[in-house]
Amino acid sequence: MTETIYSGLKQLGGATRLPESPDQAELERVQNPQADVAYNVRFTVPEFTSLCPMTGQPDFAHLVIDYMPGDWLVESKSLKLYLGSFRNHGAFHEDCTVSIGRRLAGFLKPRWLRIGGYWYPRGGMPIDVFWQTGPMPEAVWIPDQGVPPYRGRG
């Protein structure tokens, strides 16, 4: 069989189990065949879940991850499994959001990355968390994340 940039992937195309924790989740990446072009990649995760570290109750968020790839692209199934591994992970909203951004930035070494964590209310108050690796680049179109502030019923 001919070697391709996809040859080393272990999770794509086969049955995989949800990792027990984010630390056990294995992110995978492939070489970016368009590394000479500045462009943005967006992942929208409207049903992200984790657990409150104090009560064990579920927390829900809408995550938006934007990144300008350098030499690497994240393989989306491995990203889905990594994000799903937070389902049984207890951490505050700030820790979850920033940890995801930092792990992706460290693993992919993108030109730029940002994550917006739009968390649904806990204790009657929504918490939104934003993190990015540096100033927003001017060389590429990066649209607004499109998530309005939480309004409840009012």
C-alpha atoms as a PDB file:
ATOM      1  CA  MET A   1       0.000   0.000   0.000  1.00  0.00           C
ATOM      2  CA  THR A   2       1.233   3.505  -0.834  1.00  0.00           C
ATOM      3  CA  GLU A   3       2.219   5.801   2.068  1.00  0.00           C
ATOM      4  CA  THR A   4       0.086   8.949   2.346  1.00  0.00           C
ATOM      5  CA  ILE A   5      -0.220  11.715   4.906  1.00  0.00           C
ATOM      6  CA  TYR A   6      -3.083   9.679   6.381  1.00  0.00           C
ATOM      7  CA  SER A   7      -1.186   6.401   6.799  1.00  0.00           C
ATOM      8  CA  GLY A   8      -0.279   6.900  10.463  1.00  0.00           C
ATOM      9  CA  LEU A   9      -3.828   7.555  11.700  1.00  0.00           C
ATOM     10  CA  LYS A  10      -5.055   4.948  14.195  1.00  0.00           C
ATOM     11  CA  GLN A  11      -8.587   6.057  15.057  1.00  0.00           C
ATOM     12  CA  LEU A  12     -10.131   7.077  11.736  1.00  0.00           C
ATOM     13  CA  GLY A  13     -12.030   4.372   9.885  1.00  0.00           C
ATOM     14  CA  GLY A  14     -12.392   1.975  12.783  1.00  0.00           C
ATOM     15  CA  ALA A  15     -14.306   1.425  15.973  1.00  0.00           C
ATOM     16  CA  THR A  16     -12.985   3.505  18.839  1.00  0.00           C
ATOM     17  CA  ARG A  17     -14.021   3.922  22.452  1.00  0.00           C
ATOM     18  CA  LEU A  18     -14.468   7.229  24.194  1.00  0.00           C
ATOM     19  CA  PRO A  19     -11.348   7.838  26.315  1.00  0.00           C
ATOM     20  CA  GLU A  20     -11.828   7.754  30.084  1.00  0.00           C
ATOM     21  CA  SER A  21     -10.270  11.199  30.558  1.00  0.00           C
ATOM     22  CA  PRO A  22      -8.703  14.041  28.557  1.00  0.00           C
ATOM     23  CA  ASP A  23      -5.252  12.869  29.682  1.00  0.00           C
ATOM     24  CA  GLN A  24      -5.874   9.448  28.104  1.00  0.00           C
ATOM     25  CA  ALA A  25      -7.265  10.877  24.855  1.00  0.00           C
ATOM     26  CA  GLU A  26      -4.941  10.642  21.875  1.00  0.00           C
ATOM     27  CA  LEU A  27      -5.034  13.554  19.459  1.00  0.00           C
ATOM     28  CA  GLU A  28      -3.862  12.787  15.945  1.00  0.00           C
ATOM     29  CA  ARG A  29      -2.618  15.107  13.233  1.00  0.00           C
ATOM     30  CA  VAL A  30      -1.807  15.006   9.551  1.00  0.00           C
ATOM     31  CA  GLN A  31       0.517  17.110   7.452  1.00  0.00           C
ATOM     32  CA  ASN A  32      -1.182  20.177   6.035  1.00  0.00           C
ATOM     33  CA  PRO A  33      -1.054  19.900   2.227  1.00  0.00           C
ATOM     34  CA  GLN A  34      -1.889  23.638   2.007  1.00  0.00           C
ATOM     35  CA  ALA A  35       0.706  24.821   4.552  1.00  0.00           C
ATOM     36  CA  ASP A  36       1.825  27.622   2.220  1.00  0.00           C
ATOM     37  CA  VAL A  37      -1.653  29.228   2.373  1.00  0.00           C
ATOM     38  CA  ALA A  38      -3.034  31.317   5.244  1.00  0.00           C
ATOM     39  CA  TYR A  39      -6.553  30.077   6.059  1.00  0.00           C
ATOM     40  CA  ASN A  40      -8.799  29.505   9.050  1.00  0.00           C
ATOM     41  CA  VAL A  41     -10.314  26.222  10.234  1.00  0.00           C
ATOM     42  CA  ARG A  42     -13.336  26.314  12.553  1.00  0.00           C
ATOM     43  CA  PHE A  43     -14.723  23.557  14.754  1.00  0.00           C
ATOM     44  CA  THR A  44     -18.086  24.232  16.352  1.00  0.00           C
ATOM     45  CA  VAL A  45     -19.031  22.008  19.277  1.00  0.00           C
ATOM     46  CA  PRO A  46     -22.590  22.898  20.330  1.00  0.00           C
ATOM     47  CA  GLU A  47     -23.036  20.054  22.832  1.00  0.00           C
ATOM     48  CA  PHE A  48     -19.813  19.981  24.872  1.00  0.00           C
ATOM     49  CA  THR A  49     -20.207  18.491  28.354  1.00  0.00           C
ATOM     50  CA  SER A  50     -18.061  18.188  31.448  1.00  0.00           C
ATOM     51  CA  LEU A  51     -18.697  17.848  35.173  1.00  0.00           C
ATOM     52  CA  CYS A  52     -18.646  20.368  37.993  1.00  0.00           C
ATOM     53  CA  PRO A  53     -15.624  19.371  40.109  1.00  0.00           C
ATOM     54  CA  MET A  54     -17.475  20.204  43.321  1.00  0.00           C
ATOM     55  CA  THR A  55     -20.942  18.701  42.797  1.00  0.00           C
ATOM     56  CA  GLY A  56     -20.414  16.208  39.962  1.00  0.00           C
ATOM     57  CA  GLN A  57     -23.368  17.767  38.131  1.00  0.00           C
ATOM     58  CA  PRO A  58     -23.131  18.084  34.327  1.00  0.00           C
ATOM     59  CA  ASP A  59     -22.081  21.348  32.714  1.00  0.00           C
ATOM     60  CA  PHE A  60     -22.847  22.234  29.106  1.00  0.00           C
ATOM     61  CA  ALA A  61     -21.103  24.560  26.680  1.00  0.00           C
ATOM     62  CA  HIS A  62     -21.005  25.645  23.084  1.00  0.00           C
ATOM     63  CA  LEU A  63     -17.339  25.693  22.022  1.00  0.00           C
ATOM     64  CA  VAL A  64     -15.957  27.412  18.942  1.00  0.00           C
ATOM     65  CA  ILE A  65     -12.343  26.668  18.004  1.00  0.00           C
ATOM     66  CA  ASP A  66     -10.635  28.646  15.232  1.00  0.00           C
ATOM     67  CA  TYR A  67      -7.094  27.979  14.094  1.00  0.00           C
ATOM     68  CA  MET A  68      -4.760  28.912  11.278  1.00  0.00           C
ATOM     69  CA  PRO A  69      -2.862  25.723  10.488  1.00  0.00           C
ATOM     70  CA  GLY A  70       0.863  25.678  10.075  1.00  0.00           C
ATOM     71  CA  ASP A  71       2.404  22.344   9.146  1.00  0.00           C
ATOM     72  CA  TRP A  72      -0.327  20.268  10.847  1.00  0.00           C
ATOM     73  CA  LEU A  73      -4.081  19.684  10.766  1.00  0.00           C
ATOM     74  CA  VAL A  74      -5.905  18.025  13.642  1.00  0.00           C
ATOM     75  CA  GLU A  75      -7.703  14.831  12.620  1.00  0.00           C
ATOM     76  CA  SER A  76     -11.339  15.579  13.433  1.00  0.00           C
ATOM     77  CA  LYS A  77     -12.332  12.163  14.825  1.00  0.00           C
ATOM     78  CA  SER A  78      -9.493  12.294  17.339  1.00  0.00           C
ATOM     79  CA  LEU A  79     -10.609  15.818  18.272  1.00  0.00           C
ATOM     80  CA  LYS A  80     -14.178  14.609  18.731  1.00  0.00           C
ATOM     81  CA  LEU A  81     -13.009  11.786  20.998  1.00  0.00           C
ATOM     82  CA  TYR A  82     -10.755  14.143  22.969  1.00  0.00           C
ATOM     83  CA  LEU A  83     -13.595  16.600  23.530  1.00  0.00           C
ATOM     84  CA  GLY A  84     -15.972  13.746  24.406  1.00  0.00           C
ATOM     85  CA  SER A  85     -13.545  12.575  27.090  1.00  0.00           C
ATOM     86  CA  PHE A  86     -14.463  15.649  29.137  1.00  0.00           C
ATOM     87  CA  ARG A  87     -17.905  14.109  29.702  1.00  0.00           C
ATOM     88  CA  ASN A  88     -16.688  12.453  32.915  1.00  0.00           C
ATOM     89  CA  HIS A  89     -14.018  15.040  33.769  1.00  0.00           C
ATOM     90  CA  GLY A  90     -14.513  17.437  36.650  1.00  0.00           C
ATOM     91  CA  ALA A  91     -13.118  20.936  36.109  1.00  0.00           C
ATOM     92  CA  PHE A  92     -14.254  24.525  36.208  1.00  0.00           C
ATOM     93  CA  HIS A  93     -15.309  26.175  32.948  1.00  0.00           C
ATOM     94  CA  GLU A  94     -12.158  28.265  32.770  1.00  0.00           C
ATOM     95  CA  ASP A  95      -9.895  25.219  33.199  1.00  0.00           C
ATOM     96  CA  CYS A  96     -11.726  23.153  30.563  1.00  0.00           C
ATOM     97  CA  THR A  97     -11.691  25.918  27.957  1.00  0.00           C
ATOM     98  CA  VAL A  98      -8.091  27.031  28.422  1.00  0.00           C
ATOM     99  CA  SER A  99      -6.805  23.437  28.740  1.00  0.00           C
ATOM    100  CA  ILE A 100      -8.356  22.507  25.390  1.00  0.00           C
ATOM    101  CA  GLY A 101      -6.866  25.565  23.699  1.00  0.00           C
ATOM    102  CA  ARG A 102      -3.418  25.025  25.172  1.00  0.00           C
ATOM    103  CA  ARG A 103      -3.326  21.321  24.314  1.00  0.00           C
ATOM    104  CA  LEU A 104      -4.330  21.969  20.704  1.00  0.00           C
ATOM    105  CA  ALA A 105      -1.851  24.834  20.358  1.00  0.00           C
ATOM    106  CA  GLY A 106       0.978  22.758  21.806  1.00  0.00           C
ATOM    107  CA  PHE A 107       0.171  19.734  19.671  1.00  0.00           C
ATOM    108  CA  LEU A 108      -0.494  21.454  16.333  1.00  0.00           C
ATOM    109  CA  LYS A 109       1.843  24.452  16.564  1.00  0.00           C
ATOM    110  CA  PRO A 110      -0.623  26.520  14.491  1.00  0.00           C
ATOM    111  CA  ARG A 111       0.066  30.017  13.221  1.00  0.00           C
ATOM    112  CA  TRP A 112      -2.771  31.135  15.503  1.00  0.00           C
ATOM    113  CA  LEU A 113      -5.551  29.543  17.580  1.00  0.00           C
ATOM    114  CA  ARG A 114      -8.464  30.791  19.644  1.00  0.00           C
ATOM    115  CA  ILE A 115     -11.208  29.072  21.588  1.00  0.00           C
ATOM    116  CA  GLY A 116     -14.475  30.502  22.836  1.00  0.00           C
ATOM    117  CA  GLY A 117     -16.266  28.579  25.561  1.00  0.00           C
ATOM    118  CA  TYR A 118     -19.870  29.728  25.855  1.00  0.00           C
ATOM    119  CA  TRP A 119     -21.089  27.963  28.999  1.00  0.00           C
ATOM    120  CA  TYR A 120     -24.719  27.597  29.942  1.00  0.00           C
ATOM    121  CA  PRO A 121     -25.736  28.958  33.359  1.00  0.00           C
ATOM    122  CA  ARG A 122     -24.472  27.370  36.542  1.00  0.00           C
ATOM    123  CA  GLY A 123     -25.998  28.853  39.669  1.00  0.00           C
ATOM    124  CA  GLY A 124     -28.053  31.187  37.492  1.00  0.00           C
ATOM    125  CA  MET A 125     -25.010  32.746  35.771  1.00  0.00           C
ATOM    126  CA  PRO A 126     -23.466  31.848  32.407  1.00  0.00           C
ATOM    127  CA  ILE A 127     -19.675  31.932  32.187  1.00  0.00           C
ATOM    128  CA  ASP A 128     -17.974  32.652  28.860  1.00  0.00           C
ATOM    129  CA  VAL A 129     -14.252  31.908  28.557  1.00  0.00           C
ATOM    130  CA  PHE A 130     -11.967  33.049  25.721  1.00  0.00           C
ATOM    131  CA  TRP A 131      -8.318  32.183  25.052  1.00  0.00           C
ATOM    132  CA  GLN A 132      -6.017  32.687  22.084  1.00  0.00           C
ATOM    133  CA  THR A 133      -2.360  32.280  21.258  1.00  0.00           C
ATOM    134  CA  GLY A 134      -1.744  35.908  20.227  1.00  0.00           C
ATOM    135  CA  PRO A 135      -3.186  38.782  18.227  1.00  0.00           C
ATOM    136  CA  MET A 136      -5.738  37.922  15.567  1.00  0.00           C
ATOM    137  CA  PRO A 137      -3.958  37.691  12.214  1.00  0.00           C
ATOM    138  CA  GLU A 138      -4.845  40.169   9.501  1.00  0.00           C
ATOM    139  CA  ALA A 139      -3.851  37.953   6.582  1.00  0.00           C
ATOM    140  CA  VAL A 140      -6.947  35.746   6.650  1.00  0.00           C
ATOM    141  CA  TRP A 141     -10.690  36.108   7.086  1.00  0.00           C
ATOM    142  CA  ILE A 142     -11.738  35.038  10.570  1.00  0.00           C
ATOM    143  CA  PRO A 143     -15.479  35.529  11.082  1.00  0.00           C
ATOM    144  CA  ASP A 144     -17.126  36.390  14.363  1.00  0.00           C
ATOM    145  CA  GLN A 145     -17.827  33.247  16.383  1.00  0.00           C
ATOM    146  CA  GLY A 146     -21.544  33.934  16.011  1.00  0.00           C
ATOM    147  CA  VAL A 147     -22.616  32.986  19.529  1.00  0.00           C
ATOM    148  CA  PRO A 148     -24.823  35.670  21.095  1.00  0.00           C
ATOM    149  CA  PRO A 149     -24.604  36.418  24.821  1.00  0.00           C
ATOM    150  CA  TYR A 150     -26.858  34.262  26.955  1.00  0.00           C
ATOM    151  CA  ARG A 151     -30.246  35.900  27.478  1.00  0.00           C
ATOM    152  CA  GLY A 152     -32.376  33.253  29.124  1.00  0.00           C
ATOM    153  CA  ARG A 153     -36.068  34.006  28.839  1.00  0.00           C
ATOM    154  CA  GLY A 154     -35.791  37.792  29.173  1.00  0.00           C
END
